């Protein structure tokens, strides 16, 4: 029966192959060793903590070896894991804890204060410390030691549709929703990514994005473990450390988001880094500016762009090495057994080349949203199509291109404007380090664009200069009507710009101007 314990299956097939390199501790574990740890962790969840199949356990911790133990313990035990965002406040986490109905919370020392604050906000039966326990809290290491000396834990036989995790959306557009991740979805993501992205058992891939995010777990952790490669785990994002690791461990495939690729490109190590071992770099999470792909391609490295959502299995499209050079801004064609449609506002298919909302259907789609039938019905229609909310187009060869989020699009003078296109043009300016565009209300045009620009360190760039730079590159109706210089853009832990905060900032600025007049 298909299930999410990819680690256990791979340990059975190739127990002595290197599964994990933990950069923080220097540990190097085989599949057999890592699987033994996860099995003990599963015993901790079921026997020591008394959690039953279907109970929810949360984890609030930075990237570390124990995080993987607990993730695969959920796959072995039938317990549902709820990874918690480490940047969220206790008040924000309270909503997720209450909605998911956590019975237990596992935390590390870095986030112990947040765990303490949660105690007074919401009821959780058990608190388990990965480092130093507080008061009557359990110590994970002691529980694991006790279970290691007990009878071996036997994996729970789970149905493909049983849940293995609840992954909560970032909440950048509203109240976080718990995406129901079944065992079937995890396994299928592993199989299909390996086949369609042509991963190999000698692939080595670093993970430096937060493990509480679907991107880190789904690409490449699950696929690499499915094929029997090696994961290099970083505690966090440090460009210099990542470049050193890529060279030292001879990493072959590397996944990041555009913001990360830009920071790695700007790091001093980029110019001289030995990339001879790299087979391909992949970008996802947001549309990739072409100049970033070209910069890496000039170093002789294959650069591909992918696409996925928490709700649809992270990896949904693929492209060959040849096509990644020919169509550098395309996310490729849908993976095997993945159906894709582009529809207009009435639900009809758009003409090839036109922009429409992307709909996906296949075995990689989630079961909907936890405790939220209305949101589930809005996203998953009766025919099984998941409405992504992303706008895209397909060319004559069947290659797809992301135009941006449907909610980000604004209408200026009756014409659709896609911020991603403007942002890509702004980022080509040599003095612009980061940029984003939001649509705001306008008396004459309905909506207009406001650009938020982060200049390079020590450089000032004027509105007139930016307009002059954009005019030959964009139609006049696409030009932002206002430019706002900021030190940094508000982003989620996975690099997505929190545009609602910027829209609020514009409203406050305009209100202040009105009062001053």
Protein backbone atom coordinates (compact mmCIF):
# COMPACT_ATOMS: atom_id res chain seq x y z
CA UNK A 1 0.00 0.00 0.00
CA UNK A 2 1.35 3.44 -0.93
CA UNK A 3 2.44 5.53 2.06
CA UNK A 4 4.67 8.46 3.00
CA UNK A 5 7.47 6.53 4.74
CA UNK A 6 9.85 7.01 1.83
CA UNK A 7 12.80 6.87 4.23
CA UNK A 8 11.83 3.42 5.52
CA UNK A 9 11.42 2.05 2.01
CA UNK A 10 14.75 3.44 0.84
CA UNK A 11 16.51 2.12 3.98
CA UNK A 12 15.18 -1.34 3.14
CA UNK A 13 16.58 -1.10 -0.41
CA UNK A 14 19.91 0.70 0.10
CA UNK A 15 20.62 0.79 3.85
CA UNK A 16 24.32 1.61 3.57
CA UNK A 17 24.10 4.56 1.18
CA UNK A 18 24.74 8.05 2.56
CA UNK A 19 21.38 9.70 3.24
CA UNK A 20 22.19 12.87 5.15
CA UNK A 21 25.01 15.30 5.87
CA UNK A 22 24.16 17.64 8.75
CA UNK A 23 26.24 20.79 8.29
CA UNK A 24 25.67 22.06 11.86
CA UNK A 25 26.91 18.93 13.63
CA UNK A 26 29.02 17.29 10.96
CA UNK A 27 26.99 14.08 11.26
CA UNK A 28 26.92 11.80 8.21
CA UNK A 29 24.16 9.19 8.39
CA UNK A 30 23.29 6.26 6.17
CA UNK A 31 19.70 5.42 5.32
CA UNK A 32 19.72 2.64 7.90
CA UNK A 33 20.98 4.98 10.61
CA UNK A 34 18.52 7.76 9.79
CA UNK A 35 15.64 5.30 9.57
CA UNK A 36 16.52 3.85 12.98
CA UNK A 37 16.34 7.34 14.48
CA UNK A 38 12.95 8.00 12.84
CA UNK A 39 11.61 4.67 14.10
CA UNK A 40 12.60 5.56 17.66
CA UNK A 41 10.96 8.97 17.22
CA UNK A 42 7.77 7.22 16.06
CA UNK A 43 7.83 5.15 19.26
CA UNK A 44 8.20 8.36 21.26
CA UNK A 45 5.09 9.80 19.62
CA UNK A 46 2.92 6.72 20.02
CA UNK A 47 4.16 5.03 23.20
CA UNK A 48 5.89 7.68 25.32
CA UNK A 49 3.47 10.50 24.57
CA UNK A 50 0.42 8.30 24.08
CA UNK A 51 -0.60 9.89 20.79
CA UNK A 52 -3.09 7.91 18.73
CA UNK A 53 -3.37 7.54 14.98
CA UNK A 54 -4.79 10.79 13.62
CA UNK A 55 -3.67 12.92 16.61
CA UNK A 56 -1.76 16.08 15.76
CA UNK A 57 1.73 16.95 17.01
CA UNK A 58 3.36 20.32 16.30
CA UNK A 59 7.02 21.14 15.85
CA UNK A 60 8.47 24.61 16.39
CA UNK A 61 12.15 24.43 15.56
CA UNK A 62 14.85 25.51 13.17
CA UNK A 63 16.35 23.09 10.64
CA UNK A 64 18.05 20.25 12.49
CA UNK A 65 18.48 16.50 12.36
CA UNK A 66 15.63 15.85 14.81
CA UNK A 67 13.23 17.66 12.49
CA UNK A 68 13.69 14.92 9.89
CA UNK A 69 13.38 12.26 12.59
CA UNK A 70 9.99 13.63 13.59
CA UNK A 71 8.76 14.17 10.03
CA UNK A 72 9.37 10.54 9.14
CA UNK A 73 8.13 9.45 12.56
CA UNK A 74 4.76 10.88 11.54
CA UNK A 75 4.89 8.86 8.33
CA UNK A 76 5.60 5.70 10.35
CA UNK A 77 3.17 6.25 13.22
CA UNK A 78 -0.08 7.55 11.75
CA UNK A 79 0.28 10.72 13.83
CA UNK A 80 -0.28 13.94 11.86
CA UNK A 81 2.61 16.42 11.95
CA UNK A 82 1.93 20.17 12.04
CA UNK A 83 5.12 22.14 11.25
CA UNK A 84 4.90 25.65 12.72
CA UNK A 85 6.40 28.77 11.18
CA UNK A 86 9.35 29.94 13.24
CA UNK A 87 8.84 33.60 12.32
CA UNK A 88 5.29 33.72 13.67
CA UNK A 89 4.42 35.22 17.02
CA UNK A 90 2.69 33.25 19.75
CA UNK A 91 -0.55 35.08 18.94
CA UNK A 92 -0.30 34.06 15.29
CA UNK A 93 0.58 30.49 16.22
CA UNK A 94 -2.37 30.36 18.59
CA UNK A 95 -4.73 30.33 15.60
CA UNK A 96 -2.92 27.39 14.03
CA UNK A 97 -2.61 25.43 17.28
CA UNK A 98 -6.32 25.88 18.03
CA UNK A 99 -7.42 25.09 14.48
CA UNK A 100 -5.30 21.95 14.22
CA UNK A 101 -6.10 20.72 17.72
CA UNK A 102 -2.52 19.94 18.74
CA UNK A 103 -2.13 17.45 21.57
CA UNK A 104 1.64 17.89 21.80
CA UNK A 105 4.24 20.50 20.85
CA UNK A 106 7.93 19.81 20.21
CA UNK A 107 10.17 22.89 20.44
CA UNK A 108 13.84 23.84 20.38
CA UNK A 109 15.72 26.23 22.66
CA UNK A 110 15.69 29.06 20.13
CA UNK A 111 11.88 29.11 20.18
CA UNK A 112 11.35 28.22 23.84
CA UNK A 113 10.08 31.73 24.66
CA UNK A 114 7.40 31.44 21.98
CA UNK A 115 6.43 28.02 23.32
CA UNK A 116 6.17 29.52 26.81
CA UNK A 117 3.93 32.30 25.53
CA UNK A 118 1.64 29.73 23.90
CA UNK A 119 0.98 28.05 27.25
CA UNK A 120 -1.16 30.95 28.41
CA UNK A 121 -2.98 31.31 25.10
CA UNK A 122 -4.10 27.81 24.14
CA UNK A 123 -4.30 24.37 25.72
CA UNK A 124 -1.70 21.78 24.68
CA UNK A 125 -1.40 18.58 26.70
CA UNK A 126 2.32 17.89 26.30
CA UNK A 127 5.41 20.01 25.65
CA UNK A 128 8.58 18.24 24.50
CA UNK A 129 11.95 20.02 24.46
CA UNK A 130 14.60 19.11 21.90
CA UNK A 131 17.19 20.87 24.06
CA UNK A 132 16.54 22.04 27.64
CA UNK A 133 13.06 21.19 29.00
CA UNK A 134 11.07 23.78 30.97
CA UNK A 135 9.62 22.63 34.30
CA UNK A 136 7.53 19.52 33.78
CA UNK A 137 8.16 19.39 30.03
CA UNK A 138 9.44 16.17 28.52
CA UNK A 139 13.01 15.88 27.21
CA UNK A 140 12.98 14.39 23.73
CA UNK A 141 16.43 12.85 24.12
CA UNK A 142 15.43 11.03 27.33
CA UNK A 143 12.22 9.70 25.76
CA UNK A 144 14.18 8.57 22.69
CA UNK A 145 16.79 6.86 24.87
CA UNK A 146 14.08 4.98 26.75
CA UNK A 147 12.40 3.88 23.52
CA UNK A 148 15.71 2.76 22.02
CA UNK A 149 16.02 0.28 24.89
CA UNK A 150 12.45 -0.95 24.48
CA UNK A 151 10.86 -3.31 21.99
CA UNK A 152 11.18 -2.17 18.35
CA UNK A 153 8.34 -0.03 17.03
CA UNK A 154 6.29 -1.54 14.19
CA UNK A 155 5.19 0.94 11.51
CA UNK A 156 1.49 1.78 11.49
CA UNK A 157 -0.20 0.64 8.30
CA UNK A 158 -1.79 3.79 6.87
CA UNK A 159 -4.26 4.21 4.04
CA UNK A 160 -3.07 6.34 1.09
CA UNK A 161 -5.69 8.97 1.96
CA UNK A 162 -4.75 9.14 5.65
CA UNK A 163 -3.13 12.45 6.55
CA UNK A 164 0.57 12.64 7.30
CA UNK A 165 0.78 16.42 7.79
CA UNK A 166 -1.09 19.69 7.99
CA UNK A 167 0.92 22.42 6.27
CA UNK A 168 -0.48 25.85 7.03
CA UNK A 169 -0.39 28.50 4.35
CA UNK A 170 1.68 31.59 5.06
CA UNK A 171 -1.32 33.77 5.75
CA UNK A 172 -0.05 36.63 3.56
CA UNK A 173 -3.56 37.07 2.15
CA UNK A 174 -5.68 36.18 5.15
CA UNK A 175 -6.17 33.62 7.90
CA UNK A 176 -3.80 30.64 7.54
CA UNK A 177 -5.41 27.46 6.22
CA UNK A 178 -4.24 23.95 7.03
CA UNK A 179 -3.51 22.05 3.83
CA UNK A 180 -4.34 18.36 4.33
CA UNK A 181 -1.39 16.31 3.04
CA UNK A 182 -2.23 12.60 2.59
CA UNK A 183 0.31 9.77 2.38
CA UNK A 184 -0.55 9.32 -1.29
CA UNK A 185 0.44 12.89 -2.10
CA UNK A 186 3.88 12.61 -0.48
CA UNK A 187 4.73 9.34 -2.23
CA UNK A 188 3.51 10.52 -5.62
CA UNK A 189 5.50 13.73 -5.36
CA UNK A 190 8.62 11.65 -4.79
CA UNK A 191 8.05 9.26 -7.68
CA UNK A 192 6.98 11.83 -10.26
CA UNK A 193 9.70 14.34 -9.44
CA UNK A 194 12.39 11.67 -9.72
CA UNK A 195 11.10 10.50 -13.09
CA UNK A 196 10.28 13.83 -14.70
CA UNK A 197 13.18 15.85 -13.26
CA UNK A 198 15.50 12.93 -14.06
CA UNK A 199 17.04 12.74 -10.58
CA UNK A 200 19.68 10.09 -9.88
CA UNK A 201 20.85 8.02 -6.94
CA UNK A 202 24.17 9.88 -6.96
CA UNK A 203 22.52 13.29 -6.67
CA UNK A 204 23.49 15.45 -3.70
CA UNK A 205 21.19 18.33 -2.79
CA UNK A 206 21.42 20.99 -0.05
CA UNK A 207 18.42 22.18 1.93
CA UNK A 208 18.75 25.66 3.42
CA UNK A 209 15.12 26.81 3.36
CA UNK A 210 12.91 26.26 6.44
CA UNK A 211 11.78 22.66 6.93
CA UNK A 212 8.35 23.83 8.04
CA UNK A 213 7.71 24.87 4.44
CA UNK A 214 6.39 22.52 1.77
CA UNK A 215 9.20 23.51 -0.58
CA UNK A 216 11.91 22.17 1.70
CA UNK A 217 10.07 18.92 2.46
CA UNK A 218 8.70 18.27 -1.01
CA UNK A 219 11.61 19.43 -3.14
CA UNK A 220 14.11 17.94 -2.78
CA UNK A 221 13.93 16.00 0.50
CA UNK A 222 11.25 13.48 -0.49
CA UNK A 223 12.40 13.07 -4.13
CA UNK A 224 16.07 12.66 -3.19
CA UNK A 225 15.23 10.08 -0.54
CA UNK A 226 12.94 8.33 -3.04
CA UNK A 227 15.80 7.76 -5.49
CA UNK A 228 18.45 7.18 -2.80
CA UNK A 229 20.59 10.31 -3.08
CA UNK A 230 22.05 12.51 -0.36
CA UNK A 231 20.61 15.55 1.40
CA UNK A 232 22.91 18.20 2.90
CA UNK A 233 21.01 19.94 5.69
CA UNK A 234 21.78 23.55 6.63
CA UNK A 235 20.50 25.12 9.85
CA UNK A 236 19.64 28.30 7.94
CA UNK A 237 20.50 30.47 4.96
CA UNK A 238 24.09 31.65 4.85
CA UNK A 239 25.30 32.37 1.28
CA UNK A 240 28.99 31.86 2.08
CA UNK A 241 28.33 28.59 3.89
CA UNK A 242 26.12 27.37 1.04
CA UNK A 243 28.75 28.08 -1.61
CA UNK A 244 31.37 26.29 0.50
CA UNK A 245 29.07 23.30 0.95
CA UNK A 246 28.13 23.08 -2.74
CA UNK A 247 31.82 22.75 -3.51
CA UNK A 248 32.86 20.55 -0.56
CA UNK A 249 30.00 18.04 -0.86
CA UNK A 250 29.93 18.20 -4.68
CA UNK A 251 26.24 19.09 -4.73
CA UNK A 252 24.62 18.19 -8.04
CA UNK A 253 21.10 19.67 -7.86
CA UNK A 254 20.16 22.78 -5.90
CA UNK A 255 16.71 24.29 -5.35
CA UNK A 256 15.94 27.86 -4.29
CA UNK A 257 13.54 30.74 -4.79
CA UNK A 258 14.38 33.83 -6.91
CA UNK A 259 15.28 35.90 -3.84
CA UNK A 260 17.75 33.25 -2.73
CA UNK A 261 19.29 32.94 -6.19
CA UNK A 262 19.77 36.69 -6.33
CA UNK A 263 21.51 36.72 -2.93
CA UNK A 264 23.72 33.79 -3.96
CA UNK A 265 24.50 35.55 -7.23
CA UNK A 266 25.45 38.74 -5.35
CA UNK A 267 27.66 36.88 -2.84
CA UNK A 268 31.41 37.36 -3.43
CA UNK A 269 31.92 33.58 -3.69
CA UNK A 270 29.76 33.35 -6.82
CA UNK A 271 32.42 34.59 -9.23
CA UNK A 272 34.99 31.91 -8.32
CA UNK A 273 32.84 29.06 -7.00
CA UNK A 274 33.66 25.64 -8.43
CA UNK A 275 30.39 24.58 -10.07
CA UNK A 276 31.81 21.66 -12.01
CA UNK A 277 29.83 19.15 -9.96
CA UNK A 278 26.45 20.88 -10.43
CA UNK A 279 24.10 19.19 -12.91
CA UNK A 280 21.25 21.69 -12.55
CA UNK A 281 19.93 24.56 -10.48
CA UNK A 282 16.18 24.94 -10.00
CA UNK A 283 14.05 27.94 -9.03
CA UNK A 284 10.49 28.02 -7.74
CA UNK A 285 8.14 29.93 -5.47
CA UNK A 286 7.83 32.97 -7.75
CA UNK A 287 8.50 33.93 -11.39
CA UNK A 288 12.24 33.94 -12.07
CA UNK A 289 13.69 37.09 -13.68
CA UNK A 290 15.50 36.06 -16.85
CA UNK A 291 18.66 37.99 -15.97
CA UNK A 292 19.23 35.74 -12.94
CA UNK A 293 18.97 32.59 -15.04
CA UNK A 294 21.31 34.10 -17.64
CA UNK A 295 23.89 35.03 -14.97
CA UNK A 296 24.14 31.42 -13.81
CA UNK A 297 24.06 30.07 -17.35
CA UNK A 298 27.08 32.22 -18.13
CA UNK A 299 28.89 30.20 -15.47
CA UNK A 300 28.08 27.10 -17.51
CA UNK A 301 25.35 25.84 -15.19
CA UNK A 302 21.96 24.54 -16.28
CA UNK A 303 19.21 26.64 -14.70
CA UNK A 304 15.64 25.36 -14.68
CA UNK A 305 12.46 26.91 -13.37
CA UNK A 306 9.79 24.90 -11.58
CA UNK A 307 6.34 25.47 -10.21
CA UNK A 308 4.23 24.15 -7.40
CA UNK A 309 2.02 25.00 -4.46
CA UNK A 310 1.66 23.47 -1.01
CA UNK A 311 -1.75 22.25 -2.14
CA UNK A 312 -0.59 20.53 -5.34
CA UNK A 313 2.55 18.71 -4.31
CA UNK A 314 5.22 21.36 -4.87
CA UNK A 315 6.52 19.92 -8.16
CA UNK A 316 4.07 20.07 -11.06
CA UNK A 317 6.10 20.94 -14.17
CA UNK A 318 9.40 19.90 -15.71
CA UNK A 319 11.72 20.91 -18.51
CA UNK A 320 14.72 19.31 -20.17
CA UNK A 321 18.22 20.80 -20.09
CA UNK A 322 17.93 21.77 -23.76
CA UNK A 323 14.56 23.45 -23.30
CA UNK A 324 15.73 25.31 -20.17
CA UNK A 325 18.27 27.09 -22.37
CA UNK A 326 15.79 27.69 -25.19
CA UNK A 327 12.96 28.87 -22.92
CA UNK A 328 14.65 30.21 -19.77
CA UNK A 329 11.53 31.82 -18.27
CA UNK A 330 9.25 28.80 -18.75
CA UNK A 331 8.28 26.40 -15.96
CA UNK A 332 8.10 23.66 -18.59
CA UNK A 333 5.39 21.13 -19.35
CA UNK A 334 3.13 19.38 -16.79
CA UNK A 335 4.60 16.29 -15.12
CA UNK A 336 3.38 12.83 -16.03
CA UNK A 337 -0.23 12.15 -14.97
CA UNK A 338 -0.67 15.88 -14.29
CA UNK A 339 -3.46 17.67 -16.12
CA UNK A 340 -3.31 21.46 -16.55
CA UNK A 341 -5.86 23.96 -17.85
CA UNK A 342 -5.88 27.74 -18.28
CA UNK A 343 -9.33 29.27 -17.85
CA UNK A 344 -10.92 32.70 -18.01
CA UNK A 345 -13.14 34.28 -15.37
CA UNK A 346 -16.14 32.28 -16.61
CA UNK A 347 -14.28 28.98 -16.41
CA UNK A 348 -13.79 28.53 -20.14
CA UNK A 349 -10.46 27.52 -21.66
CA UNK A 350 -8.43 30.45 -22.97
CA UNK A 351 -6.87 30.59 -26.41
CA UNK A 352 -3.27 29.36 -26.62
CA UNK A 353 -0.94 32.23 -25.81
CA UNK A 354 -3.47 34.12 -23.69
CA UNK A 355 -3.29 34.42 -19.92
CA UNK A 356 -5.70 32.48 -17.74
CA UNK A 357 -5.93 30.98 -14.25
CA UNK A 358 -3.97 27.74 -13.90
CA UNK A 359 -5.99 24.69 -12.85
CA UNK A 360 -4.31 21.38 -11.98
CA UNK A 361 -5.60 17.85 -11.50
CA UNK A 362 -3.83 14.62 -10.60
CA UNK A 363 -2.65 12.31 -7.79
CA UNK A 364 -0.39 15.05 -6.42
CA UNK A 365 -3.30 17.25 -5.26
CA UNK A 366 -4.12 17.63 -1.56
CA UNK A 367 -7.40 16.69 0.13
CA UNK A 368 -8.38 20.30 0.79
CA UNK A 369 -8.24 22.47 3.90
CA UNK A 370 -8.55 21.25 7.50
CA UNK A 371 -11.81 22.29 9.19
CA UNK A 372 -12.61 24.56 6.25
CA UNK A 373 -15.14 23.04 3.84
CA UNK A 374 -15.92 26.42 2.24
CA UNK A 375 -12.28 27.06 1.33
CA UNK A 376 -11.98 23.47 0.10
CA UNK A 377 -15.03 23.83 -2.14
CA UNK A 378 -13.70 27.13 -3.52
CA UNK A 379 -10.32 25.60 -4.44
CA UNK A 380 -11.26 22.04 -5.44
CA UNK A 381 -14.18 21.83 -7.85
CA UNK A 382 -16.49 18.86 -8.36
CA UNK A 383 -14.36 17.54 -11.22
CA UNK A 384 -11.21 17.43 -9.11
CA UNK A 385 -9.54 20.52 -10.57
CA UNK A 386 -7.53 22.59 -8.11
CA UNK A 387 -7.81 26.32 -8.78
CA UNK A 388 -4.32 27.63 -8.07
CA UNK A 389 -5.06 31.35 -8.19
CA UNK A 390 -1.97 31.76 -10.38
CA UNK A 391 -2.13 33.30 -13.84
CA UNK A 392 -0.19 31.68 -16.65
CA UNK A 393 0.00 31.24 -20.41
CA UNK A 394 1.10 28.39 -22.64
CA UNK A 395 3.04 28.79 -25.87
CA UNK A 396 2.61 26.89 -29.12
CA UNK A 397 4.90 24.11 -27.88
CA UNK A 398 2.90 23.51 -24.70
CA UNK A 399 5.37 25.23 -22.38
CA UNK A 400 3.83 27.18 -19.50
CA UNK A 401 4.83 30.62 -18.19
CA UNK A 402 3.68 32.12 -14.88
CA UNK A 403 2.33 35.66 -15.16
CA UNK A 404 1.73 36.18 -11.43
CA UNK A 405 -0.98 35.71 -8.82
CA UNK A 406 -4.56 36.44 -9.84
CA UNK A 407 -5.00 38.53 -6.70
CA UNK A 408 -1.87 40.55 -7.57
CA UNK A 409 -3.15 41.50 -11.03
CA UNK A 410 -4.76 44.93 -11.22
CA UNK A 411 -6.81 46.66 -13.93
CA UNK A 412 -5.64 50.09 -15.02
CA UNK A 413 -7.82 51.93 -17.50
CA UNK A 414 -9.63 48.68 -18.32
CA UNK A 415 -6.40 46.80 -19.13
CA UNK A 416 -4.96 43.90 -17.10
CA UNK A 417 -1.55 44.64 -15.59
CA UNK A 418 0.67 41.87 -14.21
CA UNK A 419 3.13 43.08 -11.53
CA UNK A 420 5.58 40.24 -12.19
CA UNK A 421 6.34 41.70 -15.62
CA UNK A 422 7.11 45.14 -14.16
CA UNK A 423 9.17 43.65 -11.34
CA UNK A 424 11.29 41.68 -13.79
CA UNK A 425 12.04 44.88 -15.71
CA UNK A 426 12.90 46.84 -12.55
CA UNK A 427 15.31 44.17 -11.37
CA UNK A 428 17.35 44.62 -14.54
CA UNK A 429 18.33 48.12 -13.41
CA UNK A 430 21.95 47.95 -12.21
CA UNK A 431 21.22 50.02 -9.08
CA UNK A 432 18.12 48.10 -7.97
CA UNK A 433 18.74 45.30 -5.47
CA UNK A 434 15.11 44.29 -4.98
CA UNK A 435 11.70 45.47 -6.16
CA UNK A 436 8.02 44.66 -6.16
CA UNK A 437 4.84 46.25 -7.51
CA UNK A 438 1.33 46.45 -6.06
CA UNK A 439 -1.90 47.82 -7.48
CA UNK A 440 -3.76 50.52 -5.54
CA UNK A 441 -7.05 52.38 -6.17
CA UNK A 442 -6.99 55.47 -8.44
CA UNK A 443 -9.80 57.93 -9.17
CA UNK A 444 -9.14 58.16 -12.91
CA UNK A 445 -7.67 54.81 -13.94
CA UNK A 446 -9.37 52.53 -11.41
CA UNK A 447 -6.04 51.12 -10.27
CA UNK A 448 -2.41 52.04 -10.83
CA UNK A 449 0.89 50.47 -9.91
CA UNK A 450 3.12 51.50 -7.03
CA UNK A 451 6.69 50.21 -7.11
CA UNK A 452 8.66 49.53 -3.94
CA UNK A 453 12.37 49.66 -4.69
CA UNK A 454 15.38 48.61 -2.62
CA UNK A 455 18.50 50.37 -4.01
CA UNK A 456 21.88 48.74 -3.90
CA UNK A 457 23.93 49.68 -0.85
CA UNK A 458 25.27 53.21 -1.01
CA UNK A 459 23.37 54.06 -4.19
CA UNK A 460 20.44 56.44 -4.70
CA UNK A 461 18.11 56.03 -7.66
CA UNK A 462 15.52 58.67 -8.59
CA UNK A 463 11.94 58.17 -9.75
CA UNK A 464 12.78 59.94 -13.05
CA UNK A 465 15.69 57.58 -13.65
CA UNK A 466 13.50 54.52 -13.03
CA UNK A 467 10.75 55.77 -15.33
CA UNK A 468 13.31 56.45 -18.04
CA UNK A 469 14.69 52.94 -17.61
CA UNK A 470 11.24 51.32 -17.84
CA UNK A 471 9.80 53.37 -20.73
CA UNK A 472 11.57 51.47 -23.54
CA UNK A 473 10.82 48.15 -21.88
CA UNK A 474 7.13 48.42 -20.94
CA UNK A 475 3.93 49.83 -22.42
CA UNK A 476 3.00 53.18 -20.88
CA UNK A 477 -0.06 51.84 -19.04
CA UNK A 478 2.20 49.42 -17.15
CA UNK A 479 4.51 52.11 -15.75
CA UNK A 480 4.17 52.59 -11.98
CA UNK A 481 2.62 55.90 -11.00
CA UNK A 482 4.58 56.03 -7.77
CA UNK A 483 7.97 54.79 -6.54
CA UNK A 484 8.71 54.15 -2.88
CA UNK A 485 12.28 53.58 -1.71
CA UNK A 486 12.61 51.13 1.19
CA UNK A 487 15.50 49.43 2.97
CA UNK A 488 13.99 45.95 2.52
CA UNK A 489 10.81 44.28 1.33
CA UNK A 490 8.67 42.42 3.87
CA UNK A 491 8.95 38.76 2.97
CA UNK A 492 7.84 35.43 4.33
CA UNK A 493 10.45 32.91 5.44
CA UNK A 494 10.28 31.36 1.98
CA UNK A 495 10.98 34.64 0.21
CA UNK A 496 7.49 35.69 -0.90
CA UNK A 497 6.77 39.40 -0.66
CA UNK A 498 3.95 40.25 1.76
CA UNK A 499 2.11 42.54 -0.63
CA UNK A 500 -0.92 43.26 1.58
CA UNK A 501 1.43 45.02 4.01
CA UNK A 502 2.71 47.21 1.19
CA UNK A 503 -0.80 48.08 0.04
CA UNK A 504 -1.58 49.15 3.61
CA UNK A 505 1.61 51.24 3.62
CA UNK A 506 0.53 53.07 0.45
CA UNK A 507 -2.90 53.78 1.93
CA UNK A 508 -1.32 55.21 5.08
CA UNK A 509 1.09 57.34 3.04
CA UNK A 510 -1.71 58.75 0.88
CA UNK A 511 -3.87 59.42 3.94
CA UNK A 512 -1.01 61.31 5.58
CA UNK A 513 -0.49 63.40 2.42
CA UNK A 514 -4.19 64.24 2.35
CA UNK A 515 -4.07 65.49 5.94
CA UNK A 516 -0.99 67.61 5.26
CA UNK A 517 -2.74 69.31 2.37
